[in-house]
């Protein structure tokens, strides 16, 4: 790997994905990111690590996706230095990632336009940093204390604010939305997330590497397959383990079933938000049937804990294969029929069309990822873009649209369901009855690895570093980090009652954003 004009020595990492990792200085951190931006690269994730006990310094990492593969830059910070160059001028999606690093590690992005706290919510002292290895936080802390968050103010005649959350009706996770409106028209939306503080990243440090997939699979329950696969891929990369082909096909089978389950649920909810309860009823029925077959074949409705480092643990038989293929045929007929109803329903199309539009240029500027990005002209899909993603020979057909509105995101969902059904059939053809998917043995070793899987929302990423056969650092990243800020732009100019519809068309993860 070469970056023009940047003196960085890259090492090629082992594993299924093409990854080049290189140490940079403070100067080359920004310069390399600039060259990557010029080359059409995308920022995938950014995080920090406390290595003071072993190496005497902090380390910042950033991973970018290029057409050729992934570039992992890591920046050791000099002793006593708690700052690093800001990347948000090049990649706006870095803003909240950098704010999270400041809250969790006390490392600040020098020159950043937005340095407000993001995750802390006065839940711990301002001088305490949860991801540091050494004790911090000396001030007396009152757990009942609150702090005012500096929301952006919008002024003018007739402007007022509507505050929603963080506690919502039903069982939805917490998140706060601050609308600035004139009448019903939204002038600005600002979000505040990160209320639950699950402590996942420290929990990984107390977990054996072979057991880490169980934790990863619980970061965001609707993406349990994607996270478990990404974690397993990262560990297999760090240990230079190659999984059997049958395990790869089984993983594809489960990931595509996870994709379909979520698309079915969202299509029903989108119909309901537009006043079409029939759509919710029909798609809810299809999703329930889909998940019952998951339970029958994989032993769990969400296929949780079926993917493990080294392979999968799924009993496989002729009966399993036939059950999946029979259901694919039935679901395909029903979905195509419902698509005709949605497309021909004037009321639905009136609500969907032009609502929550994200232009191609805005999507590119803000780094919109996954399904939502493909609906706004960014036809990026790891399954098709990189052979090492595991889909070799499957020739994934990427669904996309240039329109960028709710209607486009609905159409991409329909198209992805049909494509996923085709991929499931292909995977079933390759999995012979009784073949199963053996688990490759895992050696004890130290090293670093990364995994990235095209989950149903977009790229699910895991970076893993091992030391003495223990997890030194595991960083998991959800595509919602990229897409939540874009939602703030998508609602501008729409009316407040359309927010639930627009929000659901993205359907982003609160839990995946709050580790």
Protein backbone atom coordinates (compact mmCIF):
# COMPACT_ATOMS: atom_id res chain seq x y z
CA UNK A 1 0.00 0.00 0.00
CA UNK A 2 1.31 3.43 -1.00
CA UNK A 3 -0.12 6.88 -0.24
CA UNK A 4 1.33 9.52 -2.54
CA UNK A 5 3.45 12.05 -0.67
CA UNK A 6 3.18 10.28 2.71
CA UNK A 7 6.13 8.47 4.26
CA UNK A 8 4.40 5.60 6.04
CA UNK A 9 5.62 2.01 6.13
CA UNK A 10 2.62 -0.28 6.00
CA UNK A 11 2.47 -3.91 7.03
CA UNK A 12 -0.04 -6.29 5.45
CA UNK A 13 -2.21 -7.90 8.11
CA UNK A 14 -3.26 -11.53 7.91
CA UNK A 15 -6.89 -12.46 7.48
CA UNK A 16 -9.65 -12.64 4.91
CA UNK A 17 -9.77 -8.88 4.27
CA UNK A 18 -7.02 -6.82 2.61
CA UNK A 19 -5.76 -4.60 5.47
CA UNK A 20 -2.64 -2.43 5.61
CA UNK A 21 -1.55 -1.11 9.01
CA UNK A 22 0.96 1.66 9.51
CA UNK A 23 2.30 3.81 12.34
CA UNK A 24 2.16 7.56 11.72
CA UNK A 25 3.31 10.76 13.35
CA UNK A 26 1.02 13.64 14.29
CA UNK A 27 1.85 15.28 10.96
CA UNK A 28 1.38 12.22 8.77
CA UNK A 29 -1.89 11.36 10.63
CA UNK A 30 -3.58 14.32 8.96
CA UNK A 31 -1.64 14.13 5.71
CA UNK A 32 -2.40 10.44 5.21
CA UNK A 33 -6.09 11.07 5.93
CA UNK A 34 -6.07 13.86 3.34
CA UNK A 35 -4.53 11.58 0.71
CA UNK A 36 -7.09 8.90 1.50
CA UNK A 37 -9.89 11.44 1.11
CA UNK A 38 -8.54 12.52 -2.28
CA UNK A 39 -8.38 8.86 -3.36
CA UNK A 40 -12.09 8.46 -2.58
CA UNK A 41 -11.61 6.70 0.76
CA UNK A 42 -14.16 6.63 3.56
CA UNK A 43 -13.55 6.85 7.31
CA UNK A 44 -14.79 3.63 8.85
CA UNK A 45 -14.00 4.18 12.53
CA UNK A 46 -11.82 6.15 14.96
CA UNK A 47 -10.90 5.23 18.55
CA UNK A 48 -8.21 5.46 21.23
CA UNK A 49 -6.32 3.13 23.55
CA UNK A 50 -4.44 3.52 26.81
CA UNK A 51 -1.08 1.74 26.49
CA UNK A 52 0.72 3.59 29.27
CA UNK A 53 1.23 0.49 31.42
CA UNK A 54 3.02 -1.34 28.58
CA UNK A 55 4.37 1.29 26.22
CA UNK A 56 4.10 4.50 28.22
CA UNK A 57 1.70 6.33 25.93
CA UNK A 58 -1.79 6.59 24.46
CA UNK A 59 -2.53 5.47 20.91
CA UNK A 60 -5.10 6.79 18.45
CA UNK A 61 -6.36 4.60 15.60
CA UNK A 62 -8.39 5.30 12.48
CA UNK A 63 -9.47 2.83 9.82
CA UNK A 64 -10.39 3.91 6.31
CA UNK A 65 -11.94 1.95 3.45
CA UNK A 66 -10.48 2.31 -0.04
CA UNK A 67 -11.30 0.46 -3.23
CA UNK A 68 -8.28 -1.81 -2.64
CA UNK A 69 -9.09 -2.60 0.98
CA UNK A 70 -8.65 -1.05 4.42
CA UNK A 71 -5.96 1.25 5.79
CA UNK A 72 -5.41 1.24 9.57
CA UNK A 73 -3.42 4.23 10.84
CA UNK A 74 -2.21 4.24 14.43
CA UNK A 75 -0.69 7.25 16.12
CA UNK A 76 1.34 6.85 19.36
CA UNK A 77 1.00 10.04 21.42
CA UNK A 78 4.09 11.41 23.12
CA UNK A 79 4.28 11.04 26.90
CA UNK A 80 2.15 13.71 28.54
CA UNK A 81 0.41 14.60 25.27
CA UNK A 82 -3.37 14.17 25.36
CA UNK A 83 -4.16 15.68 21.97
CA UNK A 84 -4.08 14.59 18.33
CA UNK A 85 -4.90 16.34 15.02
CA UNK A 86 -8.58 16.80 14.20
CA UNK A 87 -9.95 14.81 11.24
CA UNK A 88 -13.47 16.26 11.14
CA UNK A 89 -12.51 18.89 8.57
CA UNK A 90 -11.84 16.05 6.12
CA UNK A 91 -14.40 13.56 7.41
CA UNK A 92 -17.37 15.23 9.20
CA UNK A 93 -18.46 11.82 10.50
CA UNK A 94 -15.40 11.90 12.78
CA UNK A 95 -16.95 14.60 15.00
CA UNK A 96 -18.90 12.36 17.37
CA UNK A 97 -16.23 9.66 17.37
CA UNK A 98 -13.68 12.25 18.52
CA UNK A 99 -16.07 13.56 21.18
CA UNK A 100 -16.53 9.99 22.44
CA UNK A 101 -12.74 9.53 22.69
CA UNK A 102 -12.55 12.72 24.76
CA UNK A 103 -15.25 11.47 27.17
CA UNK A 104 -13.83 7.96 27.53
CA UNK A 105 -10.06 8.54 27.41
CA UNK A 106 -9.52 12.27 27.90
CA UNK A 107 -7.81 12.65 24.51
CA UNK A 108 -8.91 15.70 22.57
CA UNK A 109 -8.85 16.48 18.85
CA UNK A 110 -6.77 19.62 18.47
CA UNK A 111 -8.64 22.32 16.55
CA UNK A 112 -11.98 20.50 16.43
CA UNK A 113 -14.99 22.78 15.90
CA UNK A 114 -17.20 20.69 18.22
CA UNK A 115 -15.64 19.50 21.47
CA UNK A 116 -18.79 19.24 23.60
CA UNK A 117 -19.16 16.17 25.84
CA UNK A 118 -21.02 13.41 24.06
CA UNK A 119 -21.35 10.26 26.16
CA UNK A 120 -20.81 11.33 29.76
CA UNK A 121 -24.18 12.95 30.59
CA UNK A 122 -22.77 13.84 34.04
CA UNK A 123 -22.88 10.11 34.84
CA UNK A 124 -19.29 10.20 36.11
CA UNK A 125 -16.87 12.97 37.19
CA UNK A 126 -15.51 15.19 34.43
CA UNK A 127 -11.93 14.18 35.33
CA UNK A 128 -12.69 10.44 35.28
CA UNK A 129 -12.10 8.52 32.03
CA UNK A 130 -13.60 4.99 31.93
CA UNK A 131 -11.22 3.49 29.35
CA UNK A 132 -7.99 4.49 31.09
CA UNK A 133 -5.99 1.72 32.72
CA UNK A 134 -4.89 3.84 35.68
CA UNK A 135 -7.16 5.43 38.22
CA UNK A 136 -8.49 8.86 37.33
CA UNK A 137 -11.15 11.16 38.75
CA UNK A 138 -10.16 12.89 41.96
CA UNK A 139 -12.99 15.33 42.40
CA UNK A 140 -15.93 14.66 44.73
CA UNK A 141 -18.79 13.41 42.59
CA UNK A 142 -22.49 13.79 43.24
CA UNK A 143 -24.34 11.11 41.29
CA UNK A 144 -27.43 13.31 41.34
CA UNK A 145 -25.64 16.15 39.56
CA UNK A 146 -26.83 17.35 36.18
CA UNK A 147 -25.19 19.48 33.56
CA UNK A 148 -26.73 21.70 30.91
CA UNK A 149 -25.94 20.53 27.40
CA UNK A 150 -25.10 23.30 24.97
CA UNK A 151 -27.71 22.68 22.29
CA UNK A 152 -27.42 24.89 19.23
CA UNK A 153 -29.92 27.72 19.49
CA UNK A 154 -32.11 28.81 16.57
CA UNK A 155 -33.61 32.30 16.87
CA UNK A 156 -36.19 34.22 14.87
CA UNK A 157 -39.85 35.16 14.73
CA UNK A 158 -42.08 32.21 15.53
CA UNK A 159 -39.24 29.80 16.27
CA UNK A 160 -39.79 27.46 19.18
CA UNK A 161 -38.35 24.17 20.42
CA UNK A 162 -39.88 20.74 20.85
CA UNK A 163 -38.00 18.36 23.13
CA UNK A 164 -38.57 14.61 22.66
CA UNK A 165 -37.03 11.99 24.95
CA UNK A 166 -34.70 10.68 26.18
CA UNK A 167 -37.39 8.39 27.61
CA UNK A 168 -39.75 7.24 24.84
CA UNK A 169 -43.05 5.40 24.82
CA UNK A 170 -42.91 1.61 24.58
CA UNK A 171 -39.61 -0.24 24.87
CA UNK A 172 -37.44 1.90 22.61
CA UNK A 173 -33.98 2.78 23.95
CA UNK A 174 -33.22 6.30 25.21
CA UNK A 175 -32.33 9.16 22.93
CA UNK A 176 -33.08 12.88 23.02
CA UNK A 177 -34.23 14.90 20.00
CA UNK A 178 -34.39 18.70 20.10
CA UNK A 179 -36.43 20.21 17.25
CA UNK A 180 -36.33 23.89 16.34
CA UNK A 181 -39.50 24.61 14.37
CA UNK A 182 -41.70 27.31 12.88
CA UNK A 183 -45.24 26.02 12.97
CA UNK A 184 -44.79 22.38 11.93
CA UNK A 185 -41.77 22.95 9.67
CA UNK A 186 -38.45 21.73 11.09
CA UNK A 187 -35.60 24.25 10.87
CA UNK A 188 -33.09 22.15 12.76
CA UNK A 189 -32.82 18.89 14.67
CA UNK A 190 -30.12 18.10 17.19
CA UNK A 191 -29.74 14.68 18.76
CA UNK A 192 -28.18 13.57 21.99
CA UNK A 193 -27.48 9.87 22.46
CA UNK A 194 -25.41 7.57 24.67
CA UNK A 195 -27.52 7.31 27.82
CA UNK A 196 -27.08 3.67 28.89
CA UNK A 197 -23.29 3.26 29.39
CA UNK A 198 -23.16 -0.52 29.06
CA UNK A 199 -19.40 -0.79 29.69
CA UNK A 200 -18.84 -3.24 26.83
CA UNK A 201 -15.30 -2.17 25.98
CA UNK A 202 -13.98 -2.80 29.51
CA UNK A 203 -15.94 -6.05 29.70
CA UNK A 204 -14.02 -7.35 26.68
CA UNK A 205 -10.77 -6.93 28.64
CA UNK A 206 -12.04 -9.43 31.22
CA UNK A 207 -13.17 -11.93 28.60
CA UNK A 208 -11.21 -14.74 26.95
CA UNK A 209 -10.75 -14.09 23.22
CA UNK A 210 -12.63 -17.24 22.23
CA UNK A 211 -15.66 -16.03 24.22
CA UNK A 212 -15.69 -12.47 22.89
CA UNK A 213 -18.17 -13.20 20.11
CA UNK A 214 -20.88 -13.65 22.77
CA UNK A 215 -20.38 -10.07 23.95
CA UNK A 216 -20.10 -8.67 20.41
CA UNK A 217 -23.34 -10.40 19.46
CA UNK A 218 -25.17 -8.50 22.20
CA UNK A 219 -24.04 -4.98 21.30
CA UNK A 220 -27.07 -4.44 19.06
CA UNK A 221 -29.54 -7.30 19.18
CA UNK A 222 -30.93 -6.77 15.69
CA UNK A 223 -27.39 -7.20 14.29
CA UNK A 224 -26.20 -10.08 16.46
CA UNK A 225 -25.05 -12.16 13.46
CA UNK A 226 -23.13 -9.26 11.90
CA UNK A 227 -21.33 -8.37 15.14
CA UNK A 228 -20.47 -11.97 16.00
CA UNK A 229 -19.10 -12.48 12.49
CA UNK A 230 -17.08 -9.24 12.54
CA UNK A 231 -15.58 -10.13 15.95
CA UNK A 232 -14.79 -13.68 14.84
CA UNK A 233 -13.20 -12.36 11.65
CA UNK A 234 -11.03 -9.99 13.72
CA UNK A 235 -9.86 -12.79 16.03
CA UNK A 236 -9.23 -15.14 13.11
CA UNK A 237 -7.18 -12.37 11.48
CA UNK A 238 -5.14 -11.79 14.65
CA UNK A 239 -4.45 -15.53 15.00
CA UNK A 240 -4.04 -16.17 11.26
CA UNK A 241 -6.81 -18.78 11.26
CA UNK A 242 -8.67 -19.80 8.09
CA UNK A 243 -12.19 -21.10 8.56
CA UNK A 244 -13.65 -23.99 6.51
CA UNK A 245 -15.64 -22.97 3.38
CA UNK A 246 -18.79 -24.54 4.79
CA UNK A 247 -18.56 -22.26 7.84
CA UNK A 248 -18.28 -19.26 5.51
CA UNK A 249 -21.42 -20.32 3.65
CA UNK A 250 -23.28 -20.88 6.92
CA UNK A 251 -22.33 -17.37 8.07
CA UNK A 252 -23.65 -15.94 4.81
CA UNK A 253 -26.86 -17.88 5.26
CA UNK A 254 -27.43 -16.43 8.73
CA UNK A 255 -26.40 -12.88 7.83
CA UNK A 256 -28.84 -12.77 4.92
CA UNK A 257 -31.63 -14.13 7.12
CA UNK A 258 -30.85 -11.39 9.63
CA UNK A 259 -31.02 -8.80 6.83
CA UNK A 260 -34.40 -10.04 5.64
CA UNK A 261 -35.88 -10.16 9.15
CA UNK A 262 -35.03 -6.50 9.75
CA UNK A 263 -36.23 -5.36 6.34
CA UNK A 264 -39.54 -7.15 6.88
CA UNK A 265 -40.00 -5.44 10.23
CA UNK A 266 -39.09 -2.01 8.87
CA UNK A 267 -41.36 -2.24 5.82
CA UNK A 268 -44.29 -3.00 8.10
CA UNK A 269 -43.41 -0.17 10.49
CA UNK A 270 -43.02 2.29 7.61
CA UNK A 271 -46.47 1.39 6.34
CA UNK A 272 -47.88 1.92 9.81
CA UNK A 273 -46.16 5.30 10.24
CA UNK A 274 -47.81 6.40 7.00
CA UNK A 275 -51.24 5.32 8.25
CA UNK A 276 -51.35 1.94 6.45
CA UNK A 277 -51.91 -0.55 9.28
CA UNK A 278 -52.51 -3.38 6.79
CA UNK A 279 -48.81 -3.21 5.86
CA UNK A 280 -47.74 -3.54 9.50
CA UNK A 281 -50.01 -6.56 10.00
CA UNK A 282 -48.81 -8.40 6.90
CA UNK A 283 -45.09 -7.75 7.31
CA UNK A 284 -45.24 -8.53 11.04
CA UNK A 285 -46.77 -11.88 10.18
CA UNK A 286 -44.03 -12.60 7.63
CA UNK A 287 -41.30 -11.64 10.07
CA UNK A 288 -42.78 -13.82 12.81
CA UNK A 289 -42.88 -16.82 10.49
CA UNK A 290 -39.31 -16.06 9.39
CA UNK A 291 -38.02 -16.02 12.97
CA UNK A 292 -39.88 -19.17 13.92
CA UNK A 293 -37.94 -21.00 11.21
CA UNK A 294 -34.76 -19.45 12.63
CA UNK A 295 -35.65 -21.08 15.94
CA UNK A 296 -36.38 -24.37 14.24
CA UNK A 297 -33.16 -24.54 12.20
CA UNK A 298 -30.63 -22.53 14.21
CA UNK A 299 -31.98 -22.93 17.75
CA UNK A 300 -32.56 -19.19 18.31
CA UNK A 301 -35.00 -16.69 16.82
CA UNK A 302 -32.19 -14.18 16.22
CA UNK A 303 -29.50 -16.83 15.59
CA UNK A 304 -27.57 -15.54 18.60
CA UNK A 305 -24.32 -17.35 19.54
CA UNK A 306 -24.39 -19.48 16.38
CA UNK A 307 -21.24 -17.83 14.99
CA UNK A 308 -18.05 -18.50 16.96
CA UNK A 309 -14.37 -17.79 16.26
CA UNK A 310 -13.19 -20.48 13.88
CA UNK A 311 -16.57 -21.26 12.34
CA UNK A 312 -20.18 -21.80 13.36
CA UNK A 313 -22.11 -24.16 15.60
CA UNK A 314 -25.23 -25.04 13.66
CA UNK A 315 -26.65 -28.55 13.26
CA UNK A 316 -27.36 -29.05 9.56
CA UNK A 317 -29.50 -31.63 7.78
CA UNK A 318 -31.56 -32.19 4.66
CA UNK A 319 -34.64 -31.17 6.66
CA UNK A 320 -32.98 -27.86 7.61
CA UNK A 321 -32.11 -27.13 4.01
CA UNK A 322 -35.60 -27.94 2.75
CA UNK A 323 -37.26 -25.83 5.46
CA UNK A 324 -35.20 -22.79 4.48
CA UNK A 325 -35.75 -23.23 0.74
CA UNK A 326 -39.50 -23.74 1.14
CA UNK A 327 -39.77 -20.61 3.23
CA UNK A 328 -37.72 -18.59 0.72
CA UNK A 329 -40.22 -19.48 -2.02
CA UNK A 330 -43.22 -18.50 0.10
CA UNK A 331 -41.70 -15.27 1.40
CA UNK A 332 -40.65 -14.19 -2.09
CA UNK A 333 -44.22 -14.55 -3.40
CA UNK A 334 -45.66 -12.63 -0.46
CA UNK A 335 -43.09 -9.82 -0.56
CA UNK A 336 -43.52 -9.25 -4.29
CA UNK A 337 -47.28 -9.08 -3.83
CA UNK A 338 -46.94 -6.60 -0.97
CA UNK A 339 -44.52 -4.53 -3.02
CA UNK A 340 -47.20 -4.15 -5.70
CA UNK A 341 -49.64 -2.97 -3.03
CA UNK A 342 -47.15 -0.46 -1.59
CA UNK A 343 -46.20 0.87 -5.04
CA UNK A 344 -49.83 1.27 -6.06
CA UNK A 345 -51.11 2.85 -2.85
CA UNK A 346 -51.49 6.58 -3.51
CA UNK A 347 -51.59 7.51 0.16
CA UNK A 348 -48.37 5.66 0.95
CA UNK A 349 -46.52 7.07 -2.02
CA UNK A 350 -47.65 10.58 -1.17
CA UNK A 351 -46.11 10.22 2.30
CA UNK A 352 -42.95 8.44 1.12
CA UNK A 353 -42.01 10.55 -1.91
CA UNK A 354 -39.74 13.55 -1.19
CA UNK A 355 -39.85 12.91 2.57
CA UNK A 356 -36.47 12.96 4.34
CA UNK A 357 -34.47 13.44 1.17
CA UNK A 358 -30.66 13.16 1.37
CA UNK A 359 -28.97 14.26 -1.84
CA UNK A 360 -26.06 12.36 -3.35
CA UNK A 361 -23.70 15.26 -2.64
CA UNK A 362 -24.78 15.51 1.02
CA UNK A 363 -24.51 11.75 1.46
CA UNK A 364 -20.95 11.83 0.11
CA UNK A 365 -19.96 14.81 2.25
CA UNK A 366 -21.28 13.35 5.51
CA UNK A 367 -20.24 9.73 4.89
CA UNK A 368 -23.71 8.19 4.80
CA UNK A 369 -23.29 4.43 5.07
CA UNK A 370 -25.01 1.18 4.22
CA UNK A 371 -28.64 0.89 3.17
CA UNK A 372 -29.32 4.62 3.58
CA UNK A 373 -26.21 5.49 1.57
CA UNK A 374 -27.22 3.15 -1.26
CA UNK A 375 -30.63 4.87 -1.40
CA UNK A 376 -28.77 8.18 -1.88
CA UNK A 377 -26.57 7.09 -4.76
CA UNK A 378 -23.61 5.64 -2.82
CA UNK A 379 -23.58 2.06 -4.09
CA UNK A 380 -21.10 0.79 -1.48
CA UNK A 381 -21.62 -2.78 -0.30
CA UNK A 382 -18.80 -4.85 1.19
CA UNK A 383 -20.40 -8.04 -0.07
CA UNK A 384 -19.75 -6.91 -3.65
CA UNK A 385 -16.83 -4.49 -3.19
CA UNK A 386 -14.29 -6.77 -1.49
CA UNK A 387 -13.91 -10.48 -2.30
CA UNK A 388 -12.44 -11.15 1.15
CA UNK A 389 -15.77 -10.31 2.73
CA UNK A 390 -16.70 -13.98 2.24
CA UNK A 391 -19.06 -13.64 -0.71
CA UNK A 392 -16.61 -14.92 -3.34
CA UNK A 393 -18.54 -16.40 -6.23
CA UNK A 394 -21.92 -15.11 -5.03
CA UNK A 395 -21.88 -12.07 -7.39
CA UNK A 396 -23.94 -9.85 -5.09
CA UNK A 397 -26.24 -7.46 -6.96
CA UNK A 398 -26.19 -4.12 -5.17
CA UNK A 399 -29.55 -2.31 -4.93
CA UNK A 400 -29.33 1.48 -5.08
CA UNK A 401 -31.22 4.66 -5.93
CA UNK A 402 -30.36 8.29 -6.63
CA UNK A 403 -33.53 9.72 -5.04
CA UNK A 404 -32.49 9.62 -1.37
CA UNK A 405 -35.99 9.94 0.11
CA UNK A 406 -38.13 7.58 2.20
CA UNK A 407 -39.52 6.05 -1.00
CA UNK A 408 -35.98 5.23 -2.15
CA UNK A 409 -35.07 3.62 1.16
CA UNK A 410 -38.27 1.54 0.95
CA UNK A 411 -37.45 0.39 -2.60
CA UNK A 412 -33.89 -0.55 -1.64
CA UNK A 413 -35.28 -2.67 1.19
CA UNK A 414 -37.61 -4.54 -1.17
CA UNK A 415 -34.77 -5.14 -3.64
CA UNK A 416 -32.40 -6.33 -0.90
CA UNK A 417 -34.94 -8.86 0.36
CA UNK A 418 -35.20 -10.44 -3.08
CA UNK A 419 -31.41 -10.48 -3.49
CA UNK A 420 -30.90 -11.96 -0.02
CA UNK A 421 -33.34 -14.74 -0.85
CA UNK A 422 -31.20 -15.56 -3.90
CA UNK A 423 -28.04 -15.59 -1.78
CA UNK A 424 -29.67 -17.88 0.78
CA UNK A 425 -30.55 -20.34 -1.96
CA UNK A 426 -26.96 -20.28 -3.23
CA UNK A 427 -25.61 -20.89 0.27
CA UNK A 428 -28.00 -23.80 0.75
CA UNK A 429 -26.83 -25.33 -2.52
CA UNK A 430 -23.23 -25.26 -1.30
CA UNK A 431 -24.02 -26.72 2.09
CA UNK A 432 -24.46 -30.42 1.57
CA UNK A 433 -26.73 -32.29 3.92
CA UNK A 434 -24.81 -33.45 6.95
CA UNK A 435 -21.80 -31.36 5.98
CA UNK A 436 -22.29 -28.91 8.80
CA UNK A 437 -19.63 -26.33 9.52
CA UNK A 438 -16.67 -27.51 11.60
CA UNK A 439 -14.87 -25.07 13.87
CA UNK A 440 -11.18 -24.44 13.17
CA UNK A 441 -8.89 -24.71 16.25
CA UNK A 442 -7.64 -21.41 17.72
CA UNK A 443 -3.96 -21.11 18.71
CA UNK A 444 -2.71 -18.96 21.59
CA UNK A 445 -1.00 -15.86 20.27
CA UNK A 446 -0.68 -12.09 20.43
CA UNK A 447 -1.45 -9.77 17.59
CA UNK A 448 -3.97 -7.43 16.02
CA UNK A 449 -6.82 -8.09 13.63
CA UNK A 450 -9.94 -6.47 12.25
CA UNK A 451 -13.23 -7.68 10.88
CA UNK A 452 -15.84 -5.87 8.83
CA UNK A 453 -19.18 -7.26 7.69
CA UNK A 454 -21.96 -5.64 5.64
CA UNK A 455 -24.75 -5.82 8.19
CA UNK A 456 -28.29 -4.86 7.28
CA UNK A 457 -27.69 -1.21 8.29
CA UNK A 458 -24.20 -1.01 6.81
CA UNK A 459 -20.61 -1.96 7.69
CA UNK A 460 -20.23 -3.46 11.18
CA UNK A 461 -16.60 -3.13 12.24
CA UNK A 462 -14.49 -4.72 15.00
CA UNK A 463 -10.81 -4.01 15.77
CA UNK A 464 -9.08 -6.39 18.16
CA UNK A 465 -5.67 -6.33 19.85
CA UNK A 466 -4.37 -9.28 21.87
CA UNK A 467 -1.56 -9.54 24.38
CA UNK A 468 -0.53 -12.72 26.19
CA UNK A 469 -3.64 -14.48 24.86
CA UNK A 470 -5.88 -11.84 26.45
CA UNK A 471 -7.93 -9.06 24.90
CA UNK A 472 -6.03 -5.82 25.34
CA UNK A 473 -8.50 -3.70 23.36
CA UNK A 474 -11.65 -4.49 21.40
CA UNK A 475 -13.37 -1.65 19.60
CA UNK A 476 -16.75 -2.28 17.96
CA UNK A 477 -18.32 0.23 15.61
CA UNK A 478 -21.88 0.46 14.31
CA UNK A 479 -22.80 2.21 11.02
CA UNK A 480 -25.29 4.27 13.03
CA UNK A 481 -22.34 6.46 14.10
CA UNK A 482 -22.21 7.68 10.50
CA UNK A 483 -25.93 7.92 9.88
CA UNK A 484 -27.37 9.56 13.01
CA UNK A 485 -25.84 12.95 12.06
CA UNK A 486 -27.27 12.65 8.54
CA UNK A 487 -30.76 12.12 9.98
CA UNK A 488 -30.49 15.63 11.45
CA UNK A 489 -30.16 16.97 7.90
CA UNK A 490 -32.78 14.67 6.38
CA UNK A 491 -35.57 16.14 8.52
CA UNK A 492 -34.84 19.81 7.71
CA UNK A 493 -37.72 21.37 5.76
CA UNK A 494 -40.09 18.51 6.58
CA UNK A 495 -42.94 18.72 9.06
CA UNK A 496 -42.71 17.39 12.61
CA UNK A 497 -45.36 14.65 12.08
CA UNK A 498 -43.16 13.15 9.35
CA UNK A 499 -40.22 12.61 11.71
CA UNK A 500 -41.30 9.12 12.89
CA UNK A 501 -41.60 8.05 9.25
CA UNK A 502 -38.22 9.51 8.25
CA UNK A 503 -36.55 8.19 11.39
CA UNK A 504 -37.89 4.67 10.76
CA UNK A 505 -36.70 4.76 7.14
CA UNK A 506 -33.15 4.92 8.57
CA UNK A 507 -33.93 2.80 11.68
CA UNK A 508 -30.63 3.45 13.42
CA UNK A 509 -29.28 1.74 16.50
CA UNK A 510 -29.19 3.44 19.89
CA UNK A 511 -27.52 0.46 21.53
CA UNK A 512 -24.84 0.10 18.86
CA UNK A 513 -23.97 3.74 19.44
CA UNK A 514 -23.60 3.39 23.21
CA UNK A 515 -21.03 0.85 24.40
